[in-house]
Amino acid sequence: MLLHRHEPGVFDPDHCRTCARRAGLLDHYHRVQHQEVRPGRAHRDARWALWSSATALLLAAAALLTG
């Protein structure tokens, strides 16, 4: 038997495998758990996009100035 990690009577399919199984949301549970394991990826991707766009803007400005 799987144990709940929350108060009895609380429905939490995002963080409780037993609640997710009972509600038929086990795939949702796995997706949420996978996203919580890798929280830094979104920040790394956003940082990369910001640097890429800044570089593109600098290259475009240089191209306009040099003619």
PDB file of N, CA and C in Angstrom:
ATOM      1  N   MET A   1       0.837  -1.185   0.000  1.00  0.00           N
ATOM      2  CA  MET A   1       0.000   0.000   0.000  1.00  0.00           C
ATOM      3  C   MET A   1       0.879   1.245   0.000  1.00  0.00           C
ATOM      4  N   LEU A   2       0.566   2.194  -0.873  1.00  0.00           N
ATOM      5  CA  LEU A   2       1.331   3.429  -0.939  1.00  0.00           C
ATOM      6  C   LEU A   2       0.837   4.394   0.133  1.00  0.00           C
ATOM      7  N   LEU A   3       1.769   5.061   0.774  1.00  0.00           N
ATOM      8  CA  LEU A   3       1.414   5.990   1.841  1.00  0.00           C
ATOM      9  C   LEU A   3       1.262   7.402   1.292  1.00  0.00           C
ATOM     10  N   HIS A   4       0.328   8.129   1.880  1.00  0.00           N
ATOM     11  CA  HIS A   4       0.150   9.539   1.532  1.00  0.00           C
ATOM     12  C   HIS A   4       1.203  10.352   2.271  1.00  0.00           C
ATOM     13  N   ARG A   5       1.692  11.411   1.614  1.00  0.00           N
ATOM     14  CA  ARG A   5       2.647  12.299   2.255  1.00  0.00           C
ATOM     15  C   ARG A   5       1.988  13.635   2.584  1.00  0.00           C
ATOM     16  N   HIS A   6       0.705  13.628   2.792  1.00  0.00           N
ATOM     17  CA  HIS A   6      -0.008  14.857   3.133  1.00  0.00           C
ATOM     18  C   HIS A   6      -1.113  14.512   4.111  1.00  0.00           C
ATOM     19  N   GLU A   7      -1.822  15.539   4.555  1.00  0.00           N
ATOM     20  CA  GLU A   7      -2.900  15.348   5.516  1.00  0.00           C
ATOM     21  C   GLU A   7      -4.016  14.505   4.918  1.00  0.00           C
ATOM     22  N   PRO A   8      -4.664  13.659   5.712  1.00  0.00           N
ATOM     23  CA  PRO A   8      -5.800  12.882   5.204  1.00  0.00           C
ATOM     24  C   PRO A   8      -6.909  13.806   4.710  1.00  0.00           C
ATOM     25  N   GLY A   9      -7.526  13.434   3.614  1.00  0.00           N
ATOM     26  CA  GLY A   9      -8.620  14.219   3.057  1.00  0.00           C
ATOM     27  C   GLY A   9      -8.179  15.282   2.070  1.00  0.00           C
ATOM     28  N   VAL A  10      -6.876  15.459   1.899  1.00  0.00           N
ATOM     29  CA  VAL A  10      -6.353  16.448   0.960  1.00  0.00           C
ATOM     30  C   VAL A  10      -6.060  15.746  -0.360  1.00  0.00           C
ATOM     31  N   PHE A  11      -6.599  16.280  -1.435  1.00  0.00           N
ATOM     32  CA  PHE A  11      -6.402  15.703  -2.761  1.00  0.00           C
ATOM     33  C   PHE A  11      -5.286  16.471  -3.445  1.00  0.00           C
ATOM     34  N   ASP A  12      -4.199  15.805  -3.756  1.00  0.00           N
ATOM     35  CA  ASP A  12      -3.049  16.465  -4.348  1.00  0.00           C
ATOM     36  C   ASP A  12      -2.436  15.587  -5.434  1.00  0.00           C
ATOM     37  N   PRO A  13      -3.030  15.533  -6.644  1.00  0.00           N
ATOM     38  CA  PRO A  13      -2.511  14.664  -7.685  1.00  0.00           C
ATOM     39  C   PRO A  13      -1.162  15.113  -8.235  1.00  0.00           C
ATOM     40  N   ASP A  14      -0.755  16.376  -7.975  1.00  0.00           N
ATOM     41  CA  ASP A  14       0.545  16.847  -8.461  1.00  0.00           C
ATOM     42  C   ASP A  14       1.701  16.258  -7.669  1.00  0.00           C
ATOM     43  N   HIS A  15       1.502  15.959  -6.388  1.00  0.00           N
ATOM     44  CA  HIS A  15       2.608  15.534  -5.553  1.00  0.00           C
ATOM     45  C   HIS A  15       2.361  14.226  -4.819  1.00  0.00           C
ATOM     46  N   CYS A  16       1.229  13.592  -5.035  1.00  0.00           N
ATOM     47  CA  CYS A  16       0.932  12.333  -4.351  1.00  0.00           C
ATOM     48  C   CYS A  16       0.585  11.268  -5.392  1.00  0.00           C
ATOM     49  N   ARG A  17       1.421  10.258  -5.486  1.00  0.00           N
ATOM     50  CA  ARG A  17       1.218   9.206  -6.475  1.00  0.00           C
ATOM     51  C   ARG A  17      -0.103   8.472  -6.248  1.00  0.00           C
ATOM     52  N   THR A  18      -0.467   8.242  -5.002  1.00  0.00           N
ATOM     53  CA  THR A  18      -1.707   7.523  -4.708  1.00  0.00           C
ATOM     54  C   THR A  18      -2.923   8.328  -5.164  1.00  0.00           C
ATOM     55  N   CYS A  19      -2.932   9.634  -4.884  1.00  0.00           N
ATOM     56  CA  CYS A  19      -4.040  10.492  -5.329  1.00  0.00           C
ATOM     57  C   CYS A  19      -4.107  10.522  -6.860  1.00  0.00           C
ATOM     58  N   ALA A  20      -2.954  10.608  -7.491  1.00  0.00           N
ATOM     59  CA  ALA A  20      -2.918  10.653  -8.953  1.00  0.00           C
ATOM     60  C   ALA A  20      -3.447   9.353  -9.548  1.00  0.00           C
ATOM     61  N   ARG A  21      -3.057   8.238  -8.968  1.00  0.00           N
ATOM     62  CA  ARG A  21      -3.534   6.945  -9.478  1.00  0.00           C
ATOM     63  C   ARG A  21      -5.049   6.845  -9.314  1.00  0.00           C
ATOM     64  N   ARG A  22      -5.575   7.225  -8.169  1.00  0.00           N
ATOM     65  CA  ARG A  22      -7.022   7.142  -7.924  1.00  0.00           C
ATOM     66  C   ARG A  22      -7.817   8.047  -8.859  1.00  0.00           C
ATOM     67  N   ALA A  23      -7.222   9.199  -9.229  1.00  0.00           N
ATOM     68  CA  ALA A  23      -7.918  10.148 -10.102  1.00  0.00           C
ATOM     69  C   ALA A  23      -7.665   9.873 -11.579  1.00  0.00           C
ATOM     70  N   GLY A  24      -6.811   8.902 -11.882  1.00  0.00           N
ATOM     71  CA  GLY A  24      -6.488   8.612 -13.279  1.00  0.00           C
ATOM     72  C   GLY A  24      -5.548   9.628 -13.882  1.00  0.00           C
ATOM     73  N   LEU A  25      -4.757  10.291 -13.038  1.00  0.00           N
ATOM     74  CA  LEU A  25      -3.848  11.334 -13.502  1.00  0.00           C
ATOM     75  C   LEU A  25      -2.383  10.973 -13.278  1.00  0.00           C
ATOM     76  N   LEU A  26      -2.072   9.693 -13.377  1.00  0.00           N
ATOM     77  CA  LEU A  26      -0.712   9.259 -13.091  1.00  0.00           C
ATOM     78  C   LEU A  26       0.295   9.829 -14.094  1.00  0.00           C
ATOM     79  N   ASP A  27      -0.092   9.958 -15.369  1.00  0.00           N
ATOM     80  CA  ASP A  27       0.826  10.556 -16.340  1.00  0.00           C
ATOM     81  C   ASP A  27       1.090  12.026 -16.014  1.00  0.00           C
ATOM     82  N   HIS A  28       0.062  12.732 -15.513  1.00  0.00           N
ATOM     83  CA  HIS A  28       0.226  14.122 -15.081  1.00  0.00           C
ATOM     84  C   HIS A  28       1.191  14.187 -13.899  1.00  0.00           C
ATOM     85  N   TYR A  29       1.061  13.268 -12.959  1.00  0.00           N
ATOM     86  CA  TYR A  29       1.946  13.205 -11.795  1.00  0.00           C
ATOM     87  C   TYR A  29       3.394  13.041 -12.246  1.00  0.00           C
ATOM     88  N   HIS A  30       3.627  12.113 -13.177  1.00  0.00           N
ATOM     89  CA  HIS A  30       4.986  11.883 -13.651  1.00  0.00           C
ATOM     90  C   HIS A  30       5.552  13.117 -14.361  1.00  0.00           C
ATOM     91  N   ARG A  31       4.727  13.813 -15.131  1.00  0.00           N
ATOM     92  CA  ARG A  31       5.168  15.013 -15.831  1.00  0.00           C
ATOM     93  C   ARG A  31       5.556  16.108 -14.834  1.00  0.00           C
ATOM     94  N   VAL A  32       4.744  16.306 -13.797  1.00  0.00           N
ATOM     95  CA  VAL A  32       5.035  17.324 -12.782  1.00  0.00           C
ATOM     96  C   VAL A  32       6.312  16.970 -12.033  1.00  0.00           C
ATOM     97  N   GLN A  33       6.451  15.702 -11.657  1.00  0.00           N
ATOM     98  CA  GLN A  33       7.645  15.287 -10.936  1.00  0.00           C
ATOM     99  C   GLN A  33       8.895  15.487 -11.790  1.00  0.00           C
ATOM    100  N   HIS A  34       8.808  15.205 -13.074  1.00  0.00           N
ATOM    101  CA  HIS A  34       9.943  15.379 -13.976  1.00  0.00           C
ATOM    102  C   HIS A  34      10.330  16.855 -14.082  1.00  0.00           C
ATOM    103  N   GLN A  35       9.345  17.744 -14.134  1.00  0.00           N
ATOM    104  CA  GLN A  35       9.619  19.170 -14.234  1.00  0.00           C
ATOM    105  C   GLN A  35      10.247  19.706 -12.949  1.00  0.00           C
ATOM    106  N   GLU A  36       9.872  19.158 -11.806  1.00  0.00           N
ATOM    107  CA  GLU A  36      10.415  19.634 -10.544  1.00  0.00           C
ATOM    108  C   GLU A  36      11.855  19.193 -10.339  1.00  0.00           C
ATOM    109  N   VAL A  37      12.257  18.117 -10.990  1.00  0.00           N
ATOM    110  CA  VAL A  37      13.617  17.624 -10.847  1.00  0.00           C
ATOM    111  C   VAL A  37      14.597  18.554 -11.553  1.00  0.00           C
ATOM    112  N   ARG A  38      14.155  19.187 -12.633  1.00  0.00           N
ATOM    113  CA  ARG A  38      15.036  20.029 -13.433  1.00  0.00           C
ATOM    114  C   ARG A  38      14.580  21.481 -13.428  1.00  0.00           C
ATOM    115  N   PRO A  39      14.608  22.161 -12.258  1.00  0.00           N
ATOM    116  CA  PRO A  39      14.105  23.537 -12.212  1.00  0.00           C
ATOM    117  C   PRO A  39      15.030  24.551 -12.876  1.00  0.00           C
ATOM    118  N   GLY A  40      16.313  24.263 -12.974  1.00  0.00           N
ATOM    119  CA  GLY A  40      17.249  25.227 -13.532  1.00  0.00           C
ATOM    120  C   GLY A  40      17.256  25.291 -15.042  1.00  0.00           C
ATOM    121  N   ARG A  41      16.645  24.330 -15.684  1.00  0.00           N
ATOM    122  CA  ARG A  41      16.688  24.296 -17.151  1.00  0.00           C
ATOM    123  C   ARG A  41      15.989  25.504 -17.776  1.00  0.00           C
ATOM    124  N   ALA A  42      14.853  25.906 -17.245  1.00  0.00           N
ATOM    125  CA  ALA A  42      14.129  27.054 -17.797  1.00  0.00           C
ATOM    126  C   ALA A  42      14.963  28.322 -17.663  1.00  0.00           C
ATOM    127  N   HIS A  43      15.645  28.477 -16.540  1.00  0.00           N
ATOM    128  CA  HIS A  43      16.484  29.653 -16.345  1.00  0.00           C
ATOM    129  C   HIS A  43      17.671  29.645 -17.313  1.00  0.00           C
ATOM    130  N   ARG A  44      18.261  28.488 -17.512  1.00  0.00           N
ATOM    131  CA  ARG A  44      19.385  28.376 -18.438  1.00  0.00           C
ATOM    132  C   ARG A  44      18.933  28.681 -19.865  1.00  0.00           C
ATOM    133  N   ASP A  45      17.783  28.145 -20.258  1.00  0.00           N
ATOM    134  CA  ASP A  45      17.257  28.402 -21.609  1.00  0.00           C
ATOM    135  C   ASP A  45      16.916  29.876 -21.804  1.00  0.00           C
ATOM    136  N   ALA A  46      16.326  30.495 -20.781  1.00  0.00           N
ATOM    137  CA  ALA A  46      15.977  31.913 -20.874  1.00  0.00           C
ATOM    138  C   ALA A  46      17.234  32.770 -20.971  1.00  0.00           C
ATOM    139  N   ARG A  47      18.257  32.419 -20.200  1.00  0.00           N
ATOM    140  CA  ARG A  47      19.517  33.157 -20.243  1.00  0.00           C
ATOM    141  C   ARG A  47      20.159  33.035 -21.635  1.00  0.00           C
ATOM    142  N   TRP A  48      20.133  31.843 -22.196  1.00  0.00           N
ATOM    143  CA  TRP A  48      20.701  31.621 -23.525  1.00  0.00           C
ATOM    144  C   TRP A  48      19.947  32.439 -24.577  1.00  0.00           C
ATOM    145  N   ALA A  49      18.622  32.473 -24.484  1.00  0.00           N
ATOM    146  CA  ALA A  49      17.805  33.241 -25.438  1.00  0.00           C
ATOM    147  C   ALA A  49      18.094  34.734 -25.309  1.00  0.00           C
ATOM    148  N   LEU A  50      18.265  35.210 -24.086  1.00  0.00           N
ATOM    149  CA  LEU A  50      18.556  36.627 -23.876  1.00  0.00           C
ATOM    150  C   LEU A  50      19.906  37.005 -24.475  1.00  0.00           C
ATOM    151  N   TRP A  51      20.923  36.209 -24.227  1.00  0.00           N
ATOM    152  CA  TRP A  51      22.245  36.477 -24.795  1.00  0.00           C
ATOM    153  C   TRP A  51      22.219  36.388 -26.323  1.00  0.00           C
ATOM    154  N   SER A  52      21.491  35.432 -26.856  1.00  0.00           N
ATOM    155  CA  SER A  52      21.403  35.290 -28.315  1.00  0.00           C
ATOM    156  C   SER A  52      20.739  36.501 -28.951  1.00  0.00           C
ATOM    157  N   SER A  53      19.659  36.969 -28.347  1.00  0.00           N
ATOM    158  CA  SER A  53      18.964  38.126 -28.917  1.00  0.00           C
ATOM    159  C   SER A  53      19.807  39.393 -28.774  1.00  0.00           C
ATOM    160  N   ALA A  54      20.532  39.521 -27.675  1.00  0.00           N
ATOM    161  CA  ALA A  54      21.407  40.688 -27.504  1.00  0.00           C
ATOM    162  C   ALA A  54      22.516  40.674 -28.554  1.00  0.00           C
ATOM    163  N   THR A  55      23.085  39.524 -28.805  1.00  0.00           N
ATOM    164  CA  THR A  55      24.123  39.391 -29.825  1.00  0.00           C
ATOM    165  C   THR A  55      23.571  39.734 -31.205  1.00  0.00           C
ATOM    166  N   ALA A  56      22.378  39.259 -31.505  1.00  0.00           N
ATOM    167  CA  ALA A  56      21.754  39.546 -32.797  1.00  0.00           C
ATOM    168  C   ALA A  56      21.507  41.046 -32.951  1.00  0.00           C
ATOM    169  N   LEU A  57      21.063  41.704 -31.885  1.00  0.00           N
ATOM    170  CA  LEU A  57      20.839  43.155 -31.945  1.00  0.00           C
ATOM    171  C   LEU A  57      22.146  43.911 -32.176  1.00  0.00           C
ATOM    172  N   LEU A  58      23.210  43.498 -31.516  1.00  0.00           N
ATOM    173  CA  LEU A  58      24.501  44.151 -31.720  1.00  0.00           C
ATOM    174  C   LEU A  58      25.014  43.958 -33.142  1.00  0.00           C
ATOM    175  N   LEU A  59      24.861  42.755 -33.677  1.00  0.00           N
ATOM    176  CA  LEU A  59      25.277  42.505 -35.056  1.00  0.00           C
ATOM    177  C   LEU A  59      24.447  43.309 -36.042  1.00  0.00           C
ATOM    178  N   ALA A  60      23.146  43.427 -35.785  1.00  0.00           N
ATOM    179  CA  ALA A  60      22.292  44.217 -36.678  1.00  0.00           C
ATOM    180  C   ALA A  60      22.674  45.686 -36.626  1.00  0.00           C
ATOM    181  N   ALA A  61      22.959  46.212 -35.426  1.00  0.00           N
ATOM    182  CA  ALA A  61      23.364  47.607 -35.297  1.00  0.00           C
ATOM    183  C   ALA A  61      24.696  47.847 -36.010  1.00  0.00           C
ATOM    184  N   ALA A  62      25.629  46.915 -35.867  1.00  0.00           N
ATOM    185  CA  ALA A  62      26.922  47.045 -36.537  1.00  0.00           C
ATOM    186  C   ALA A  62      26.748  47.027 -38.040  1.00  0.00           C
ATOM    187  N   ALA A  63      25.849  46.178 -38.531  1.00  0.00           N
ATOM    188  CA  ALA A  63      25.608  46.096 -39.973  1.00  0.00           C
ATOM    189  C   ALA A  63      24.996  47.400 -40.505  1.00  0.00           C
ATOM    190  N   LEU A  64      24.117  48.025 -39.726  1.00  0.00           N
ATOM    191  CA  LEU A  64      23.521  49.292 -40.144  1.00  0.00           C
ATOM    192  C   LEU A  64      24.560  50.417 -40.169  1.00  0.00           C
ATOM    193  N   LEU A  65      25.445  50.418 -39.192  1.00  0.00           N
ATOM    194  CA  LEU A  65      26.441  51.485 -39.110  1.00  0.00           C
ATOM    195  C   LEU A  65      27.518  51.367 -40.170  1.00  0.00           C
ATOM    196  N   THR A  66      27.862  50.151 -40.545  1.00  0.00           N
ATOM    197  CA  THR A  66      28.925  49.951 -41.534  1.00  0.00           C
ATOM    198  C   THR A  66      28.384  49.979 -42.952  1.00  0.00           C
ATOM    199  N   GLY A  67      27.101  49.929 -43.081  1.00  0.00           N
ATOM    200  CA  GLY A  67      26.482  50.185 -44.289  1.00  0.00           C
ATOM    201  C   GLY A  67      26.148  49.312 -45.338  1.00  0.00           C
TER     202      GLY A  67
END
